[in-house]
Each structure stands twice: as structure tokens, then as C-alpha cells.
Amino acid sequence: MDNATATIDPKEAAHFGALAADWWDPKGSSAMLHKLNPVRLAFIRDSIDAHFATDSGTLRRPLSGKRALDAGCGAGLLCEPLARLGAQVTGVDAAPENIAAARAHADAMGLAIDYRQGELGAMDLSGFDLVCSLEVIEHVTDKAAFLASLAAALSPEGLMILSCPNRTPQSRLLLVEAAERLGQVPRGTHDWKQFVTPAELAELAEAAGLSLGEPKGISWSPAQGLHLSDDLSLNYIVTAQRA
């Protein structure tokens, strides 16, 4: 594969691969992801209902008959809920350790998920009804190439969901300095300079032939914990479609 379109950062892959063993431990090194996952899933389910005209409140498997891709899937924290929603799921990750952990956990849960390790753009993936990539774009080396690969995987009428930390003074203080110093996330997980603002993501999406919806913030408060809000200063999640 041409190096110009490679998106995997070997250092990032090694960092997350080293966390694979306890990825599924809600009190382990990925504890913050376990807290974040229900918030993201609430947004995803609402977005699925709006896009595909389903009702997750009454329909247990709104993705039945649909194909879903999770790019940067880690050990499968999102892939497994998508499979339970009825989707035929493919998960792609840069770290072989993550894919091994994901396969083992899916097998233990009795879930058939197609896990693949390697460069997304080299896999010739296409025709997915749902494409997700959550907390990933800030870890890739070529954001434009990565978005182009995501867009290529999306079916013409499909739905994409992206999330990313916003590059703000608040995120630098809370997501990087405080969270890593207090052990909420492993040291070295975040490089604040690689965070992407909503405006930057909109430009990247447009260049890839996508249009973004209205982003929702993922905020934290002592009373509510992590929750969806209109405050985009820390983290945000957003839909995208073919333009």
C-alpha cells in the first residue's frame, strides 16, 4: 500500500495493543470507555431510528438485515452492541492484540463478528449501511485519507457516526492533563494537538464527499456523570451521510 495513504501510527497501535488484555474490565485501563459507551450508544440508537425510520423503543433489533462497520474497534466494545441490535458487524483495528481480544470475547458471548487487523483503506470494504469510528480520528496519521476510507466503505444511503475530542483549552485541562494524571485514562493516550474541532471535521468530511449533521457534545458533571449535551468543548459525536 502507498505510504501516502497509510493512516496507522505504529506507536498508537502499540499503545492500545498493550491495553488489550483488560479492555473488557470496567475497572481496568479502559474504564473511561466503559462509562462513555452507554452515552455513545444512546446517540447511535437515536440516529439509527432517525435515519432508517426504525423504533428502537419497540424494535429490539433495528439493524436486522444491515451491515455495520466499526473502524478502530479496539477489543469490540461497540461491535458487540451493534451485533445485538441485529447488524452483521465487521470490526477493524490496527493492533493485532485488540483483534485477538475482540475475537475471544465475541466467541465467549456467542456473537459472530468479522474482526480484521490492518489498514482500513487496504481492505476494499464497501456497502455498509452503518459506519462508526469513535475516538479514532485523533489517533491516525492521515486524517483526510482515513475519512476517505470511511466514506468509501459507506453505502450510498448509509449512515456514518463519528466522535472525537474537541481541541479546546477545556479538553486539554480535563481530558489530557487531569484524566491522565489522575489515572482515569492511561498516560500517553491523548495528544491534544491531534484533537479535531467540529469545523475541521466538517472540512475533512466535505473533502471526502460527506456532510455532517449537527454535533452533540459529550460532557461531564458531578450530578450527571458523562452525558449528551449542547456543550461541545470536551468531546462530541456527530452523524454523517454521503453529500
Foldseek 3Di string as FASTA:
>chain_A
DDPVLFWADVVLLVVLLVQQVCCVPCPDQVVVVVVCVVQVVVVVVVVLCVQVVDDVVPQQQSQAPFAEEEEQQFLNPPVVVNVRSHHAYEYEHAHPSRQVNNVVVCVVVVGDHHYDHDGLQVPQAADGQEYEYEQPLLRIDDNLSVLLSSLRNHYQSHKYKYKWWALDPVQCVPVQVVCCVVSVHPHPNGDSVSTHHPVRVQVSQVSSQKHKDQKWAFDADPVPGTHTHNDNNTMIMIMMHGD
